Amino acid sequence: MEIEFKKIGLEDRALIDRYLSQKTYRSCELIFPNIYLWSRKYPTDFAVVEDTLVFRGVLDNGEPSITFPAGEPGQARRAMDVMMEWFHGQQKEFHMHLVQEQEYGLLELWYPGKFQIAYDRDSADYVYETEKLTTLAGKKLHGKRNHINKFKENYPNWVYEPVTGENVEECFQMALKWRKEAECEQDEEKRAEMCVTLNALRLLEELQLKGGLLRAEPGGEVIAFTIGEPLNPDTFVVHIEKAFAEVQGAYPMINQQFVAHEAQGYQYVNREEDTGAEGLRKAKLSYRPAFLVEKGMVTYR
């Protein structure tokens, strides 16, 4: 069976968004800008199958893997039948990645006992209550408030601005400086992440992303910036956050200010996964997530 998979282009956004909008989950990956920006590092294409949307990626061993069909449940069931037949015809083992609990529940309902799932803790998204990220109220978050108070004490004339066409180049230059200080060229993952960051800044308007930046004083250089967007009707997602390490409190300050200015219409904020990095995991847990969005790999039993 032949299925026509297509490379993802900017012109495909309306089509892809139409199908993804039928999903109500909070995973950070399945949103157009993230898919588009990371498709160079992790080759991804897509196909419309039985009036659902299916993404195809490549595992580390070179084998294909798909996402759960995005669309109406009845159509998704038919698309699953088609995709299982496709794997069989390709003489490939079935793999489905980024599968969430609700989706696996449907697989169990449709094909009892046929599949198994292995969740990956390193890829679980951290989701927080917007109000708590904004106020940082309570004893457990007093350390974050202290960092922000120290920042305000050291930089009493600090400025927050939305990222626009007029100041995005300053963020770009700050990112280049950050890349050098963080020695990103020595690490493949850091290099890829920085490539995504720079492309997100270049395509900020085209990808309909929102950004915010910090200056230590009006007219001063950019010391931190962040980029995100609405993920679904009740969740905002933060994709990128960069701050100079030597500026005490810059990270918690841009975190709080961006949420305060851009995410107030949403109940939750998704701050993506920790990729298994110990320091990043500690930092994300310190903000006391409301819950984690777990994602797993589905294979035949």
C-alpha atoms as a PDB file:
ATOM      1  CA  MET A   1       0.000   0.000   0.000  1.00  0.00           C
ATOM      2  CA  GLU A   2       1.326   3.417  -0.994  1.00  0.00           C
ATOM      3  CA  ILE A   3       0.830   6.452   1.226  1.00  0.00           C
ATOM      4  CA  GLU A   4       2.016   9.828   0.008  1.00  0.00           C
ATOM      5  CA  PHE A   5       4.117  11.423   2.726  1.00  0.00           C
ATOM      6  CA  LYS A   6       5.095  15.063   2.244  1.00  0.00           C
ATOM      7  CA  LYS A   7       7.902  17.191   3.648  1.00  0.00           C
ATOM      8  CA  ILE A   8       6.603  19.907   5.998  1.00  0.00           C
ATOM      9  CA  GLY A   9       6.560  23.432   4.566  1.00  0.00           C
ATOM     10  CA  LEU A  10       5.278  26.758   5.850  1.00  0.00           C
ATOM     11  CA  GLU A  11       2.494  26.544   3.292  1.00  0.00           C
ATOM     12  CA  ASP A  12       1.133  23.435   5.057  1.00  0.00           C
ATOM     13  CA  ARG A  13       0.285  25.227   8.298  1.00  0.00           C
ATOM     14  CA  ALA A  14      -3.461  25.699   7.677  1.00  0.00           C
ATOM     15  CA  LEU A  15      -3.922  22.029   6.783  1.00  0.00           C
ATOM     16  CA  ILE A  16      -1.866  20.744   9.710  1.00  0.00           C
ATOM     17  CA  ASP A  17      -3.491  23.129  12.200  1.00  0.00           C
ATOM     18  CA  ARG A  18      -6.960  22.029  11.074  1.00  0.00           C
ATOM     19  CA  TYR A  19      -6.242  18.443  12.087  1.00  0.00           C
ATOM     20  CA  LEU A  20      -4.183  19.188  15.202  1.00  0.00           C
ATOM     21  CA  SER A  21      -6.913  21.492  16.523  1.00  0.00           C
ATOM     22  CA  GLN A  22      -9.064  18.389  16.925  1.00  0.00           C
ATOM     23  CA  LYS A  23      -6.641  17.148  19.594  1.00  0.00           C
ATOM     24  CA  THR A  24      -7.180  18.367  23.154  1.00  0.00           C
ATOM     25  CA  TYR A  25      -3.941  17.051  24.675  1.00  0.00           C
ATOM     26  CA  ARG A  26      -1.140  19.193  26.081  1.00  0.00           C
ATOM     27  CA  SER A  27       1.979  17.670  24.490  1.00  0.00           C
ATOM     28  CA  CYS A  28       4.423  20.355  23.359  1.00  0.00           C
ATOM     29  CA  GLU A  29       5.634  18.553  20.223  1.00  0.00           C
ATOM     30  CA  LEU A  30       2.479  18.331  18.130  1.00  0.00           C
ATOM     31  CA  ILE A  31       2.109  21.990  17.279  1.00  0.00           C
ATOM     32  CA  PHE A  32       3.126  23.377  13.914  1.00  0.00           C
ATOM     33  CA  PRO A  33       6.073  25.652  14.810  1.00  0.00           C
ATOM     34  CA  ASN A  34       7.779  22.945  16.884  1.00  0.00           C
ATOM     35  CA  ILE A  35       7.265  20.309  14.193  1.00  0.00           C
ATOM     36  CA  TYR A  36       8.508  22.616  11.454  1.00  0.00           C
ATOM     37  CA  LEU A  37      11.538  23.958  13.331  1.00  0.00           C
ATOM     38  CA  TRP A  38      12.751  20.560  14.556  1.00  0.00           C
ATOM     39  CA  SER A  39      12.107  18.683  11.277  1.00  0.00           C
ATOM     40  CA  ARG A  40      15.662  19.364  10.102  1.00  0.00           C
ATOM     41  CA  LYS A  41      17.208  17.756  13.162  1.00  0.00           C
ATOM     42  CA  TYR A  42      14.614  14.977  13.366  1.00  0.00           C
ATOM     43  CA  PRO A  43      13.373  14.288   9.815  1.00  0.00           C
ATOM     44  CA  THR A  44       9.578  14.363   9.852  1.00  0.00           C
ATOM     45  CA  ASP A  45       6.995  14.290   7.093  1.00  0.00           C
ATOM     46  CA  PHE A  46       3.224  13.912   7.069  1.00  0.00           C
ATOM     47  CA  ALA A  47       0.305  12.353   5.222  1.00  0.00           C
ATOM     48  CA  VAL A  48      -3.459  12.657   5.297  1.00  0.00           C
ATOM     49  CA  VAL A  49      -4.836   9.166   5.902  1.00  0.00           C
ATOM     50  CA  GLU A  50      -8.596   8.504   6.116  1.00  0.00           C
ATOM     51  CA  ASP A  51      -9.173  12.206   6.808  1.00  0.00           C
ATOM     52  CA  THR A  52      -6.688  12.226   9.695  1.00  0.00           C
ATOM     53  CA  LEU A  53      -3.173  13.591   9.960  1.00  0.00           C
ATOM     54  CA  VAL A  54      -0.240  11.241  10.527  1.00  0.00           C
ATOM     55  CA  PHE A  55       3.368  12.342  11.051  1.00  0.00           C
ATOM     56  CA  ARG A  56       6.208   9.970  10.223  1.00  0.00           C
ATOM     57  CA  GLY A  57       9.590  10.146  11.891  1.00  0.00           C
ATOM     58  CA  VAL A  58      12.737   8.027  11.971  1.00  0.00           C
ATOM     59  CA  LEU A  59      13.999   6.188  15.058  1.00  0.00           C
ATOM     60  CA  ASP A  60      17.684   6.026  16.000  1.00  0.00           C
ATOM     61  CA  ASN A  61      17.923   2.625  14.310  1.00  0.00           C
ATOM     62  CA  GLY A  62      16.564   4.033  11.049  1.00  0.00           C
ATOM     63  CA  GLU A  63      13.148   2.413  11.367  1.00  0.00           C
ATOM     64  CA  PRO A  64       9.992   4.465  10.699  1.00  0.00           C
ATOM     65  CA  SER A  65       7.611   5.534  13.441  1.00  0.00           C
ATOM     66  CA  ILE A  66       4.302   7.393  13.229  1.00  0.00           C
ATOM     67  CA  THR A  67       2.162   9.539  15.511  1.00  0.00           C
ATOM     68  CA  PHE A  68      -1.381   8.714  16.572  1.00  0.00           C
ATOM     69  CA  PRO A  69      -3.766   9.870  13.800  1.00  0.00           C
ATOM     70  CA  ALA A  70      -5.134  13.355  14.527  1.00  0.00           C
ATOM     71  CA  GLY A  71      -8.805  13.586  13.660  1.00  0.00           C
ATOM     72  CA  GLU A  72     -12.232  12.327  14.624  1.00  0.00           C
ATOM     73  CA  PRO A  73     -12.078   9.040  16.625  1.00  0.00           C
ATOM     74  CA  GLY A  74     -13.954   7.061  13.988  1.00  0.00           C
ATOM     75  CA  GLN A  75     -11.590   8.267  11.276  1.00  0.00           C
ATOM     76  CA  ALA A  76      -8.590   7.655  13.540  1.00  0.00           C
ATOM     77  CA  ARG A  77      -9.648   4.020  13.960  1.00  0.00           C
ATOM     78  CA  ARG A  78      -9.817   3.568  10.180  1.00  0.00           C
ATOM     79  CA  ALA A  79      -6.477   5.340   9.774  1.00  0.00           C
ATOM     80  CA  MET A  80      -4.928   2.952  12.306  1.00  0.00           C
ATOM     81  CA  ASP A  81      -6.059  -0.032  10.235  1.00  0.00           C
ATOM     82  CA  VAL A  82      -4.508   1.547   7.148  1.00  0.00           C
ATOM     83  CA  MET A  83      -1.222   2.356   8.899  1.00  0.00           C
ATOM     84  CA  MET A  84      -0.860  -1.137  10.368  1.00  0.00           C
ATOM     85  CA  GLU A  85      -1.332  -2.517   6.870  1.00  0.00           C
ATOM     86  CA  TRP A  86       1.259  -0.021   5.604  1.00  0.00           C
ATOM     87  CA  PHE A  87       3.870  -1.201   8.121  1.00  0.00           C
ATOM     88  CA  HIS A  88       3.114  -4.799   7.140  1.00  0.00           C
ATOM     89  CA  GLY A  89       3.499  -3.971   3.465  1.00  0.00           C
ATOM     90  CA  GLN A  90       6.820  -2.236   4.151  1.00  0.00           C
ATOM     91  CA  GLN A  91       7.941  -5.284   6.147  1.00  0.00           C
ATOM     92  CA  LYS A  92       8.649  -2.986   9.077  1.00  0.00           C
ATOM     93  CA  GLU A  93       7.895  -3.407  12.764  1.00  0.00           C
ATOM     94  CA  PHE A  94       5.090  -1.124  13.960  1.00  0.00           C
ATOM     95  CA  HIS A  95       6.215   1.886  16.007  1.00  0.00           C
ATOM     96  CA  MET A  96       4.147   4.830  17.210  1.00  0.00           C
ATOM     97  CA  HIS A  97       5.824   7.644  19.159  1.00  0.00           C
ATOM     98  CA  LEU A  98       4.575  10.549  21.328  1.00  0.00           C
ATOM     99  CA  VAL A  99       1.571   8.481  22.398  1.00  0.00           C
ATOM    100  CA  GLN A 100      -0.280   9.872  25.410  1.00  0.00           C
ATOM    101  CA  GLU A 101      -2.409   8.055  27.935  1.00  0.00           C
ATOM    102  CA  GLN A 102      -5.720   8.987  26.296  1.00  0.00           C
ATOM    103  CA  GLU A 103      -4.531   7.756  22.917  1.00  0.00           C
ATOM    104  CA  TYR A 104      -3.248   4.471  24.312  1.00  0.00           C
ATOM    105  CA  GLY A 105      -6.621   4.035  25.969  1.00  0.00           C
ATOM    106  CA  LEU A 106      -8.253   4.220  22.534  1.00  0.00           C
ATOM    107  CA  LEU A 107      -5.789   1.662  21.148  1.00  0.00           C
ATOM    108  CA  GLU A 108      -6.672  -0.717  23.988  1.00  0.00           C
ATOM    109  CA  LEU A 109     -10.368  -0.166  23.293  1.00  0.00           C
ATOM    110  CA  TRP A 110     -10.012  -0.776  19.565  1.00  0.00           C
ATOM    111  CA  TYR A 111      -7.368  -3.547  19.665  1.00  0.00           C
ATOM    112  CA  PRO A 112      -7.507  -5.188  23.119  1.00  0.00           C
ATOM    113  CA  GLY A 113      -4.139  -6.612  24.150  1.00  0.00           C
ATOM    114  CA  LYS A 114      -2.530  -6.009  20.745  1.00  0.00           C
ATOM    115  CA  PHE A 115      -0.188  -3.157  21.741  1.00  0.00           C
ATOM    116  CA  GLN A 116       2.163  -2.238  24.566  1.00  0.00           C
ATOM    117  CA  ILE A 117       3.494   1.168  25.575  1.00  0.00           C
ATOM    118  CA  ALA A 118       6.788   2.233  27.143  1.00  0.00           C
ATOM    119  CA  TYR A 119       6.727   5.725  28.641  1.00  0.00           C
ATOM    120  CA  ASP A 120       9.894   7.843  28.575  1.00  0.00           C
ATOM    121  CA  ARG A 121      10.290  10.005  31.696  1.00  0.00           C
ATOM    122  CA  ASP A 122      12.887  12.172  29.950  1.00  0.00           C
ATOM    123  CA  SER A 123      10.311  13.328  27.388  1.00  0.00           C
ATOM    124  CA  ALA A 124       7.503  14.124  29.850  1.00  0.00           C
ATOM    125  CA  ASP A 125       6.291  17.729  29.662  1.00  0.00           C
ATOM    126  CA  TYR A 126       6.081  19.868  32.797  1.00  0.00           C
ATOM    127  CA  VAL A 127       2.735  21.673  33.079  1.00  0.00           C
ATOM    128  CA  TYR A 128       2.171  24.430  35.655  1.00  0.00           C
ATOM    129  CA  GLU A 129      -0.750  26.502  36.837  1.00  0.00           C
ATOM    130  CA  THR A 130      -0.476  29.926  35.223  1.00  0.00           C
ATOM    131  CA  GLU A 131      -1.514  31.716  38.404  1.00  0.00           C
ATOM    132  CA  LYS A 132       1.273  30.104  40.436  1.00  0.00           C
ATOM    133  CA  LEU A 133       3.941  30.928  37.829  1.00  0.00           C
ATOM    134  CA  THR A 134       2.703  34.520  37.864  1.00  0.00           C
ATOM    135  CA  THR A 135       2.425  35.147  41.611  1.00  0.00           C
ATOM    136  CA  LEU A 136       4.994  32.600  42.854  1.00  0.00           C
ATOM    137  CA  ALA A 137       2.930  32.586  46.037  1.00  0.00           C
ATOM    138  CA  GLY A 138       3.475  30.137  48.872  1.00  0.00           C
ATOM    139  CA  LYS A 139       6.345  28.810  50.943  1.00  0.00           C
ATOM    140  CA  LYS A 140       7.531  26.304  48.347  1.00  0.00           C
ATOM    141  CA  LEU A 141       8.241  29.055  45.798  1.00  0.00           C
ATOM    142  CA  HIS A 142       9.823  31.580  48.153  1.00  0.00           C
ATOM    143  CA  GLY A 143      13.241  30.890  46.617  1.00  0.00           C
ATOM    144  CA  LYS A 144      11.985  32.012  43.199  1.00  0.00           C
ATOM    145  CA  ARG A 145      10.595  35.205  44.724  1.00  0.00           C
ATOM    146  CA  ASN A 146      13.955  35.842  46.378  1.00  0.00           C
ATOM    147  CA  HIS A 147      15.773  35.514  43.032  1.00  0.00           C
ATOM    148  CA  ILE A 148      13.357  37.949  41.391  1.00  0.00           C
ATOM    149  CA  ASN A 149      13.647  40.413  44.272  1.00  0.00           C
ATOM    150  CA  LYS A 150      17.439  40.256  43.970  1.00  0.00           C
ATOM    151  CA  PHE A 151      17.182  40.932  40.242  1.00  0.00           C
ATOM    152  CA  LYS A 152      14.964  43.963  40.883  1.00  0.00           C
ATOM    153  CA  GLU A 153      17.360  45.180  43.567  1.00  0.00           C
ATOM    154  CA  ASN A 154      20.367  44.902  41.248  1.00  0.00           C
ATOM    155  CA  TYR A 155      18.538  46.324  38.238  1.00  0.00           C
ATOM    156  CA  PRO A 156      15.913  48.781  39.538  1.00  0.00           C
ATOM    157  CA  ASN A 157      15.335  50.206  36.049  1.00  0.00           C
ATOM    158  CA  TRP A 158      14.760  46.858  34.346  1.00  0.00           C
ATOM    159  CA  VAL A 159      12.464  46.726  31.327  1.00  0.00           C
ATOM    160  CA  TYR A 160      10.244  43.998  29.848  1.00  0.00           C
ATOM    161  CA  GLU A 161       9.222  44.266  26.190  1.00  0.00           C
ATOM    162  CA  PRO A 162       7.344  42.020  23.782  1.00  0.00           C
ATOM    163  CA  VAL A 163       9.559  40.809  20.950  1.00  0.00           C
ATOM    164  CA  THR A 164       8.648  42.629  17.732  1.00  0.00           C
ATOM    165  CA  GLY A 165      10.102  43.231  14.311  1.00  0.00           C
ATOM    166  CA  GLU A 166      11.891  46.243  15.777  1.00  0.00           C
ATOM    167  CA  ASN A 167      13.835  44.428  18.510  1.00  0.00           C
ATOM    168  CA  VAL A 168      14.034  40.813  17.302  1.00  0.00           C
ATOM    169  CA  GLU A 169      17.506  41.409  15.819  1.00  0.00           C
ATOM    170  CA  GLU A 170      18.765  42.303  19.300  1.00  0.00           C
ATOM    171  CA  CYS A 171      17.479  38.948  20.560  1.00  0.00           C
ATOM    172  CA  PHE A 172      19.248  37.278  17.647  1.00  0.00           C
ATOM    173  CA  GLN A 173      22.547  38.917  18.589  1.00  0.00           C
ATOM    174  CA  MET A 174      22.040  38.041  22.256  1.00  0.00           C
ATOM    175  CA  ALA A 175      21.447  34.398  21.220  1.00  0.00           C
ATOM    176  CA  LEU A 176      24.703  34.360  19.241  1.00  0.00           C
ATOM    177  CA  LYS A 177      26.574  35.648  22.286  1.00  0.00           C
ATOM    178  CA  TRP A 178      24.813  33.105  24.514  1.00  0.00           C
ATOM    179  CA  ARG A 179      25.749  30.338  22.059  1.00  0.00           C
ATOM    180  CA  LYS A 180      29.424  31.237  22.334  1.00  0.00           C
ATOM    181  CA  GLU A 181      29.375  31.469  26.141  1.00  0.00           C
ATOM    182  CA  ALA A 182      27.561  28.122  26.433  1.00  0.00           C
ATOM    183  CA  GLU A 183      30.015  26.470  24.005  1.00  0.00           C
ATOM    184  CA  CYS A 184      27.128  25.102  21.955  1.00  0.00           C
ATOM    185  CA  GLU A 185      29.386  24.209  19.037  1.00  0.00           C
ATOM    186  CA  GLN A 186      31.001  21.519  21.201  1.00  0.00           C
ATOM    187  CA  ASP A 187      27.715  19.688  21.793  1.00  0.00           C
ATOM    188  CA  GLU A 188      25.502  18.335  19.008  1.00  0.00           C
ATOM    189  CA  GLU A 189      22.224  18.664  20.951  1.00  0.00           C
ATOM    190  CA  LYS A 190      23.014  22.200  22.107  1.00  0.00           C
ATOM    191  CA  ARG A 191      23.984  23.118  18.545  1.00  0.00           C
ATOM    192  CA  ALA A 192      20.690  21.774  17.198  1.00  0.00           C
ATOM    193  CA  GLU A 193      18.684  23.557  19.903  1.00  0.00           C
ATOM    194  CA  MET A 194      20.424  26.829  19.133  1.00  0.00           C
ATOM    195  CA  CYS A 195      19.717  26.377  15.424  1.00  0.00           C
ATOM    196  CA  VAL A 196      16.021  26.028  16.290  1.00  0.00           C
ATOM    197  CA  THR A 197      16.240  29.133  18.496  1.00  0.00           C
ATOM    198  CA  LEU A 198      17.777  31.273  15.757  1.00  0.00           C
ATOM    199  CA  ASN A 199      15.280  30.042  13.161  1.00  0.00           C
ATOM    200  CA  ALA A 200      12.396  30.727  15.565  1.00  0.00           C
ATOM    201  CA  LEU A 201      13.590  34.325  15.845  1.00  0.00           C
ATOM    202  CA  ARG A 202      13.972  34.628  12.068  1.00  0.00           C
ATOM    203  CA  LEU A 203      10.471  33.274  11.502  1.00  0.00           C
ATOM    204  CA  LEU A 204       8.763  34.757  14.550  1.00  0.00           C
ATOM    205  CA  GLU A 205       5.990  36.452  12.570  1.00  0.00           C
ATOM    206  CA  GLU A 206       5.603  33.714   9.955  1.00  0.00           C
ATOM    207  CA  LEU A 207       5.191  31.072  12.678  1.00  0.00           C
ATOM    208  CA  GLN A 208       2.883  33.337  14.724  1.00  0.00           C
ATOM    209  CA  LEU A 209       5.085  32.976  17.808  1.00  0.00           C
ATOM    210  CA  LYS A 210       5.059  35.313  20.799  1.00  0.00           C
ATOM    211  CA  GLY A 211       8.223  36.551  22.464  1.00  0.00           C
ATOM    212  CA  GLY A 212       9.323  38.628  25.429  1.00  0.00           C
ATOM    213  CA  LEU A 213      12.669  40.129  26.431  1.00  0.00           C
ATOM    214  CA  LEU A 214      14.384  41.750  29.404  1.00  0.00           C
ATOM    215  CA  ARG A 215      16.777  44.683  29.547  1.00  0.00           C
ATOM    216  CA  ALA A 216      18.649  45.744  32.664  1.00  0.00           C
ATOM    217  CA  GLU A 217      17.738  49.347  31.852  1.00  0.00           C
ATOM    218  CA  PRO A 218      15.792  51.204  29.145  1.00  0.00           C
ATOM    219  CA  GLY A 219      17.735  51.073  25.893  1.00  0.00           C
ATOM    220  CA  GLY A 220      20.235  48.584  27.344  1.00  0.00           C
ATOM    221  CA  GLU A 221      21.252  45.299  25.777  1.00  0.00           C
ATOM    222  CA  VAL A 222      18.945  42.294  25.862  1.00  0.00           C
ATOM    223  CA  ILE A 223      19.869  40.052  28.801  1.00  0.00           C
ATOM    224  CA  ALA A 224      17.098  37.455  28.414  1.00  0.00           C
ATOM    225  CA  PHE A 225      14.367  36.472  25.996  1.00  0.00           C
ATOM    226  CA  THR A 226      11.762  33.760  25.637  1.00  0.00           C
ATOM    227  CA  ILE A 227       9.424  32.446  22.925  1.00  0.00           C
ATOM    228  CA  GLY A 228       6.121  30.599  23.170  1.00  0.00           C
ATOM    229  CA  GLU A 229       2.576  30.359  21.829  1.00  0.00           C
ATOM    230  CA  PRO A 230      -0.919  29.103  22.653  1.00  0.00           C
ATOM    231  CA  LEU A 231      -0.984  25.305  22.620  1.00  0.00           C
ATOM    232  CA  ASN A 232      -4.723  24.754  23.015  1.00  0.00           C
ATOM    233  CA  PRO A 233      -7.647  26.730  24.512  1.00  0.00           C
ATOM    234  CA  ASP A 234      -6.448  26.282  28.113  1.00  0.00           C
ATOM    235  CA  THR A 235      -2.660  25.862  27.765  1.00  0.00           C
ATOM    236  CA  PHE A 236       0.204  28.147  26.685  1.00  0.00           C
ATOM    237  CA  VAL A 237       3.569  26.583  25.820  1.00  0.00           C
ATOM    238  CA  VAL A 238       7.035  28.075  26.344  1.00  0.00           C
ATOM    239  CA  HIS A 239       9.408  26.717  23.703  1.00  0.00           C
ATOM    240  CA  ILE A 240      12.608  28.705  24.236  1.00  0.00           C
ATOM    241  CA  GLU A 241      14.152  30.607  27.140  1.00  0.00           C
ATOM    242  CA  LYS A 242      17.620  32.162  27.161  1.00  0.00           C
ATOM    243  CA  ALA A 243      19.317  34.391  29.741  1.00  0.00           C
ATOM    244  CA  PHE A 244      22.895  35.316  30.568  1.00  0.00           C
ATOM    245  CA  ALA A 245      24.094  33.140  33.457  1.00  0.00           C
ATOM    246  CA  GLU A 246      26.005  35.989  35.096  1.00  0.00           C
ATOM    247  CA  VAL A 247      22.824  38.071  35.493  1.00  0.00           C
ATOM    248  CA  GLN A 248      21.449  36.837  38.815  1.00  0.00           C
ATOM    249  CA  GLY A 249      17.726  36.192  38.672  1.00  0.00           C
ATOM    250  CA  ALA A 250      17.390  36.733  34.925  1.00  0.00           C
ATOM    251  CA  TYR A 251      15.902  33.283  34.276  1.00  0.00           C
ATOM    252  CA  PRO A 252      13.154  33.383  36.930  1.00  0.00           C
ATOM    253  CA  MET A 253      12.461  37.018  36.002  1.00  0.00           C
ATOM    254  CA  ILE A 254      11.894  36.397  32.282  1.00  0.00           C
ATOM    255  CA  ASN A 255       9.917  33.263  33.165  1.00  0.00           C
ATOM    256  CA  GLN A 256       7.556  35.183  35.426  1.00  0.00           C
ATOM    257  CA  GLN A 257       7.258  38.281  33.234  1.00  0.00           C
ATOM    258  CA  PHE A 258       6.526  36.352  30.045  1.00  0.00           C
ATOM    259  CA  VAL A 259       3.762  34.370  31.729  1.00  0.00           C
ATOM    260  CA  ALA A 260       2.373  37.554  33.315  1.00  0.00           C
ATOM    261  CA  HIS A 261       2.209  39.338  29.962  1.00  0.00           C
ATOM    262  CA  GLU A 262       1.372  36.563  27.485  1.00  0.00           C
ATOM    263  CA  ALA A 263      -0.306  33.619  29.236  1.00  0.00           C
ATOM    264  CA  GLN A 264      -2.962  35.162  31.447  1.00  0.00           C
ATOM    265  CA  GLY A 265      -5.825  33.882  29.333  1.00  0.00           C
ATOM    266  CA  TYR A 266      -4.739  30.280  29.895  1.00  0.00           C
ATOM    267  CA  GLN A 267      -5.114  28.013  32.909  1.00  0.00           C
ATOM    268  CA  TYR A 268      -1.847  26.155  32.346  1.00  0.00           C
ATOM    269  CA  VAL A 269       1.662  26.732  31.029  1.00  0.00           C
ATOM    270  CA  ASN A 270       3.608  23.867  29.432  1.00  0.00           C
ATOM    271  CA  ARG A 271       7.367  24.349  29.843  1.00  0.00           C
ATOM    272  CA  GLU A 272       8.325  21.262  27.851  1.00  0.00           C
ATOM    273  CA  GLU A 273      10.534  18.349  28.893  1.00  0.00           C
ATOM    274  CA  ASP A 274      13.905  18.086  30.655  1.00  0.00           C
ATOM    275  CA  THR A 275      15.476  15.609  28.158  1.00  0.00           C
ATOM    276  CA  GLY A 276      16.951  13.748  31.125  1.00  0.00           C
ATOM    277  CA  ALA A 277      19.373  16.568  32.013  1.00  0.00           C
ATOM    278  CA  GLU A 278      19.811  16.483  35.795  1.00  0.00           C
ATOM    279  CA  GLY A 279      20.155  20.245  36.270  1.00  0.00           C
ATOM    280  CA  LEU A 280      17.197  21.018  34.027  1.00  0.00           C
ATOM    281  CA  ARG A 281      15.036  18.444  35.795  1.00  0.00           C
ATOM    282  CA  LYS A 282      15.867  19.940  39.171  1.00  0.00           C
ATOM    283  CA  ALA A 283      15.026  23.429  37.894  1.00  0.00           C
ATOM    284  CA  LYS A 284      11.695  22.383  36.382  1.00  0.00           C
ATOM    285  CA  LEU A 285      10.662  20.444  39.481  1.00  0.00           C
ATOM    286  CA  SER A 286      11.535  23.428  41.669  1.00  0.00           C
ATOM    287  CA  TYR A 287       8.639  25.343  40.099  1.00  0.00           C
ATOM    288  CA  ARG A 288       6.226  22.670  41.394  1.00  0.00           C
ATOM    289  CA  PRO A 289       4.421  21.412  38.257  1.00  0.00           C
ATOM    290  CA  ALA A 290       0.705  20.699  38.484  1.00  0.00           C
ATOM    291  CA  PHE A 291       1.249  17.525  36.468  1.00  0.00           C
ATOM    292  CA  LEU A 292       3.454  15.890  33.832  1.00  0.00           C
ATOM    293  CA  VAL A 293       2.333  14.983  30.322  1.00  0.00           C
ATOM    294  CA  GLU A 294       3.747  11.520  29.712  1.00  0.00           C
ATOM    295  CA  LYS A 295       4.424  10.253  26.212  1.00  0.00           C
ATOM    296  CA  GLY A 296       5.437   6.761  25.172  1.00  0.00           C
ATOM    297  CA  MET A 297       6.422   4.449  22.351  1.00  0.00           C
ATOM    298  CA  VAL A 298       3.798   1.931  21.227  1.00  0.00           C
ATOM    299  CA  THR A 299       4.735  -1.398  19.654  1.00  0.00           C
ATOM    300  CA  TYR A 300       3.039  -4.749  19.112  1.00  0.00           C
ATOM    301  CA  ARG A 301       3.005  -7.084  22.079  1.00  0.00           C
END
